[in-house]
Amino acid sequence: MTSVEVTAELRPASEDRLAHFLYVLMRQSVTSGEIEKIMADNIEKAGAPSLVVFSDPFLAGKAIELAERLKGASYPDARQFALREIGAA
């Protein structure tokens, strides 16, 4: 669970990088309903595999890299990790 603080201005605040990313994504381009649908149809769906096989190696590499960066890895480290994961390093 992500801890959420409330600032003096009564606005929620969080140090969670994924929450920050999702917040910006929803403010700028994707509705929360679209994200909920993607989660329901692909991630939370009963029987959804824990191991996902990606069909597009380039897109998979970018998704893995971005996920590592959201977890706090630096760009060069995340990029090298992603390239190893897709067998391109």
N, C-alpha and C. Protein backbone atom coordinates (compact mmCIF):
# COMPACT_ATOMS: atom_id res chain seq x y z
N MET A 1 0.84 -1.17 0.00
CA MET A 1 0.00 0.00 0.00
C MET A 1 0.88 1.24 0.00
N THR A 2 0.52 2.22 -0.74
CA THR A 2 1.24 3.48 -0.81
C THR A 2 0.79 4.38 0.33
N SER A 3 1.76 4.98 1.02
CA SER A 3 1.35 5.93 2.06
C SER A 3 1.10 7.28 1.40
N VAL A 4 0.06 7.92 1.83
CA VAL A 4 -0.31 9.23 1.30
C VAL A 4 -0.39 10.20 2.46
N GLU A 5 0.27 11.32 2.32
CA GLU A 5 0.21 12.37 3.33
C GLU A 5 -0.74 13.44 2.83
N VAL A 6 -1.17 14.29 3.74
CA VAL A 6 -2.01 15.43 3.35
C VAL A 6 -1.24 16.69 3.73
N THR A 7 -1.03 17.56 2.78
CA THR A 7 -0.27 18.79 3.01
C THR A 7 -1.11 19.80 3.78
N ALA A 8 -0.48 20.88 4.17
CA ALA A 8 -1.18 21.94 4.90
C ALA A 8 -2.32 22.51 4.08
N GLU A 9 -2.22 22.44 2.75
CA GLU A 9 -3.29 22.95 1.88
C GLU A 9 -4.37 21.91 1.66
N LEU A 10 -4.32 20.80 2.41
CA LEU A 10 -5.28 19.70 2.33
C LEU A 10 -5.28 19.01 0.96
N ARG A 11 -4.10 18.91 0.37
CA ARG A 11 -3.95 18.19 -0.88
C ARG A 11 -3.17 16.91 -0.62
N PRO A 12 -3.58 15.78 -1.20
CA PRO A 12 -2.83 14.54 -1.01
C PRO A 12 -1.42 14.68 -1.58
N ALA A 13 -0.47 14.03 -0.94
CA ALA A 13 0.92 14.03 -1.41
C ALA A 13 1.49 12.62 -1.22
N SER A 14 2.37 12.22 -2.11
CA SER A 14 2.94 10.87 -2.04
C SER A 14 4.36 10.89 -2.60
N GLU A 15 5.20 10.01 -2.09
CA GLU A 15 6.56 9.84 -2.63
C GLU A 15 6.63 8.66 -3.60
N ASP A 16 5.51 8.04 -3.88
CA ASP A 16 5.45 6.87 -4.76
C ASP A 16 5.61 7.30 -6.22
N ARG A 17 6.67 6.82 -6.88
CA ARG A 17 6.96 7.22 -8.26
C ARG A 17 5.89 6.73 -9.23
N LEU A 18 5.35 5.54 -9.00
CA LEU A 18 4.31 5.02 -9.89
C LEU A 18 3.04 5.85 -9.76
N ALA A 19 2.67 6.21 -8.54
CA ALA A 19 1.50 7.06 -8.34
C ALA A 19 1.71 8.41 -9.03
N HIS A 20 2.91 8.96 -8.93
CA HIS A 20 3.23 10.23 -9.59
C HIS A 20 3.08 10.09 -11.10
N PHE A 21 3.65 9.02 -11.65
CA PHE A 21 3.57 8.79 -13.09
C PHE A 21 2.11 8.66 -13.55
N LEU A 22 1.33 7.84 -12.85
CA LEU A 22 -0.07 7.65 -13.22
C LEU A 22 -0.86 8.95 -13.12
N TYR A 23 -0.58 9.74 -12.10
CA TYR A 23 -1.25 11.03 -11.92
C TYR A 23 -1.00 11.94 -13.13
N VAL A 24 0.27 12.06 -13.52
CA VAL A 24 0.62 12.91 -14.67
C VAL A 24 0.01 12.34 -15.95
N LEU A 25 0.08 11.03 -16.12
CA LEU A 25 -0.49 10.40 -17.31
C LEU A 25 -1.98 10.69 -17.42
N MET A 26 -2.69 10.56 -16.30
CA MET A 26 -4.13 10.82 -16.32
C MET A 26 -4.46 12.30 -16.51
N ARG A 27 -3.62 13.17 -16.00
CA ARG A 27 -3.85 14.62 -16.20
C ARG A 27 -3.59 15.04 -17.63
N GLN A 28 -2.62 14.38 -18.29
CA GLN A 28 -2.19 14.86 -19.60
C GLN A 28 -2.74 14.11 -20.80
N SER A 29 -3.05 12.79 -20.65
CA SER A 29 -3.41 12.12 -21.89
C SER A 29 -4.35 10.92 -21.79
N VAL A 30 -4.34 10.16 -20.74
CA VAL A 30 -5.13 8.93 -20.67
C VAL A 30 -6.13 9.06 -19.53
N THR A 31 -7.38 8.73 -19.78
CA THR A 31 -8.37 8.84 -18.71
C THR A 31 -8.18 7.72 -17.70
N SER A 32 -8.63 7.97 -16.48
CA SER A 32 -8.53 6.93 -15.45
C SER A 32 -9.36 5.72 -15.85
N GLY A 33 -10.47 5.93 -16.56
CA GLY A 33 -11.29 4.82 -17.04
C GLY A 33 -10.55 3.93 -18.02
N GLU A 34 -9.73 4.54 -18.89
CA GLU A 34 -8.94 3.75 -19.84
C GLU A 34 -7.90 2.91 -19.10
N ILE A 35 -7.27 3.50 -18.10
CA ILE A 35 -6.28 2.76 -17.31
C ILE A 35 -6.96 1.63 -16.55
N GLU A 36 -8.12 1.91 -15.96
CA GLU A 36 -8.88 0.87 -15.24
C GLU A 36 -9.23 -0.28 -16.19
N LYS A 37 -9.65 0.04 -17.42
CA LYS A 37 -10.01 -1.01 -18.39
C LYS A 37 -8.80 -1.85 -18.76
N ILE A 38 -7.67 -1.21 -19.00
CA ILE A 38 -6.45 -1.95 -19.33
C ILE A 38 -6.08 -2.89 -18.19
N MET A 39 -6.16 -2.38 -16.97
CA MET A 39 -5.84 -3.21 -15.80
C MET A 39 -6.80 -4.39 -15.69
N ALA A 40 -8.10 -4.12 -15.84
CA ALA A 40 -9.11 -5.17 -15.71
C ALA A 40 -8.97 -6.22 -16.82
N ASP A 41 -8.71 -5.77 -18.04
CA ASP A 41 -8.65 -6.68 -19.18
C ASP A 41 -7.33 -7.44 -19.31
N ASN A 42 -6.25 -6.89 -18.74
CA ASN A 42 -4.94 -7.48 -18.98
C ASN A 42 -4.18 -7.92 -17.73
N ILE A 43 -4.37 -7.23 -16.64
CA ILE A 43 -3.54 -7.49 -15.46
C ILE A 43 -4.32 -8.18 -14.36
N GLU A 44 -5.53 -7.71 -14.08
CA GLU A 44 -6.32 -8.25 -12.98
C GLU A 44 -7.28 -9.37 -13.43
N LYS A 45 -7.34 -9.62 -14.70
CA LYS A 45 -8.24 -10.62 -15.26
C LYS A 45 -7.94 -11.99 -14.66
N ALA A 46 -8.98 -12.73 -14.30
CA ALA A 46 -8.80 -14.07 -13.76
C ALA A 46 -8.03 -14.92 -14.76
N GLY A 47 -7.01 -15.59 -14.29
CA GLY A 47 -6.21 -16.43 -15.16
C GLY A 47 -5.14 -15.69 -15.93
N ALA A 48 -4.97 -14.39 -15.67
CA ALA A 48 -3.93 -13.62 -16.36
C ALA A 48 -2.57 -14.21 -16.00
N PRO A 49 -1.71 -14.41 -16.98
CA PRO A 49 -0.40 -15.01 -16.69
C PRO A 49 0.50 -14.08 -15.89
N SER A 50 1.33 -14.66 -15.02
CA SER A 50 2.29 -13.84 -14.30
C SER A 50 3.49 -13.55 -15.20
N LEU A 51 3.75 -14.43 -16.17
CA LEU A 51 4.81 -14.21 -17.14
C LEU A 51 4.16 -13.75 -18.44
N VAL A 52 4.51 -12.55 -18.86
CA VAL A 52 3.92 -12.00 -20.08
C VAL A 52 4.92 -12.14 -21.21
N VAL A 53 4.47 -12.69 -22.33
CA VAL A 53 5.31 -12.83 -23.52
C VAL A 53 4.96 -11.67 -24.45
N PHE A 54 5.95 -10.81 -24.72
CA PHE A 54 5.73 -9.64 -25.55
C PHE A 54 5.94 -9.98 -27.02
N SER A 55 5.11 -9.41 -27.89
CA SER A 55 5.23 -9.71 -29.32
C SER A 55 6.15 -8.73 -30.05
N ASP A 56 6.39 -7.56 -29.48
CA ASP A 56 7.22 -6.54 -30.12
C ASP A 56 8.46 -6.31 -29.25
N PRO A 57 9.63 -6.82 -29.66
CA PRO A 57 10.83 -6.70 -28.84
C PRO A 57 11.22 -5.25 -28.53
N PHE A 58 11.08 -4.34 -29.49
CA PHE A 58 11.45 -2.94 -29.23
C PHE A 58 10.55 -2.34 -28.16
N LEU A 59 9.24 -2.53 -28.32
CA LEU A 59 8.28 -2.00 -27.35
C LEU A 59 8.48 -2.65 -25.98
N ALA A 60 8.77 -3.95 -25.96
CA ALA A 60 9.04 -4.65 -24.70
C ALA A 60 10.26 -4.06 -24.00
N GLY A 61 11.31 -3.82 -24.77
CA GLY A 61 12.52 -3.24 -24.20
C GLY A 61 12.25 -1.87 -23.59
N LYS A 62 11.48 -1.05 -24.29
CA LYS A 62 11.16 0.28 -23.79
C LYS A 62 10.30 0.19 -22.53
N ALA A 63 9.31 -0.72 -22.52
CA ALA A 63 8.44 -0.89 -21.35
C ALA A 63 9.26 -1.36 -20.14
N ILE A 64 10.17 -2.29 -20.35
CA ILE A 64 11.02 -2.79 -19.26
C ILE A 64 11.93 -1.68 -18.75
N GLU A 65 12.52 -0.94 -19.67
CA GLU A 65 13.39 0.18 -19.28
C GLU A 65 12.63 1.21 -18.45
N LEU A 66 11.46 1.61 -18.93
CA LEU A 66 10.68 2.61 -18.20
C LEU A 66 10.24 2.10 -16.84
N ALA A 67 9.87 0.83 -16.76
CA ALA A 67 9.49 0.24 -15.47
C ALA A 67 10.65 0.29 -14.49
N GLU A 68 11.85 -0.02 -14.96
CA GLU A 68 13.04 0.03 -14.09
C GLU A 68 13.32 1.46 -13.63
N ARG A 69 13.14 2.41 -14.53
CA ARG A 69 13.35 3.81 -14.16
C ARG A 69 12.32 4.27 -13.14
N LEU A 70 11.08 3.81 -13.27
CA LEU A 70 10.05 4.14 -12.28
C LEU A 70 10.42 3.55 -10.91
N LYS A 71 11.12 2.43 -10.93
CA LYS A 71 11.56 1.80 -9.67
C LYS A 71 12.78 2.50 -9.08
N GLY A 72 13.34 3.48 -9.81
CA GLY A 72 14.45 4.26 -9.29
C GLY A 72 15.79 4.03 -9.95
N ALA A 73 15.86 3.15 -10.95
CA ALA A 73 17.13 2.91 -11.64
C ALA A 73 17.48 4.10 -12.52
N SER A 74 18.77 4.31 -12.72
CA SER A 74 19.20 5.38 -13.62
C SER A 74 18.94 4.95 -15.06
N TYR A 75 18.92 5.93 -15.97
CA TYR A 75 18.68 5.60 -17.38
C TYR A 75 19.67 4.58 -17.92
N PRO A 76 20.99 4.79 -17.77
CA PRO A 76 21.92 3.81 -18.37
C PRO A 76 21.74 2.41 -17.79
N ASP A 77 21.54 2.31 -16.48
CA ASP A 77 21.37 0.99 -15.86
C ASP A 77 20.08 0.34 -16.33
N ALA A 78 19.00 1.10 -16.38
CA ALA A 78 17.71 0.57 -16.82
C ALA A 78 17.78 0.13 -18.27
N ARG A 79 18.45 0.92 -19.11
CA ARG A 79 18.57 0.58 -20.53
C ARG A 79 19.34 -0.71 -20.72
N GLN A 80 20.46 -0.86 -20.01
CA GLN A 80 21.25 -2.08 -20.12
C GLN A 80 20.47 -3.29 -19.62
N PHE A 81 19.73 -3.12 -18.52
CA PHE A 81 18.90 -4.21 -17.99
C PHE A 81 17.87 -4.63 -19.04
N ALA A 82 17.21 -3.65 -19.63
CA ALA A 82 16.17 -3.95 -20.65
C ALA A 82 16.77 -4.66 -21.84
N LEU A 83 17.92 -4.20 -22.31
CA LEU A 83 18.56 -4.84 -23.46
C LEU A 83 18.92 -6.30 -23.15
N ARG A 84 19.39 -6.55 -21.94
CA ARG A 84 19.70 -7.94 -21.53
C ARG A 84 18.43 -8.77 -21.49
N GLU A 85 17.36 -8.19 -20.95
CA GLU A 85 16.08 -8.91 -20.82
C GLU A 85 15.52 -9.34 -22.17
N ILE A 86 15.69 -8.51 -23.20
CA ILE A 86 15.13 -8.86 -24.51
C ILE A 86 16.17 -9.55 -25.40
N GLY A 87 17.35 -9.81 -24.83
CA GLY A 87 18.38 -10.51 -25.57
C GLY A 87 19.09 -9.68 -26.60
N ALA A 88 19.15 -8.38 -26.41
CA ALA A 88 19.79 -7.49 -27.39
C ALA A 88 21.12 -6.94 -26.89
N ALA A 89 21.55 -7.35 -25.71
CA ALA A 89 22.82 -6.83 -25.18
C ALA A 89 23.95 -7.78 -25.42
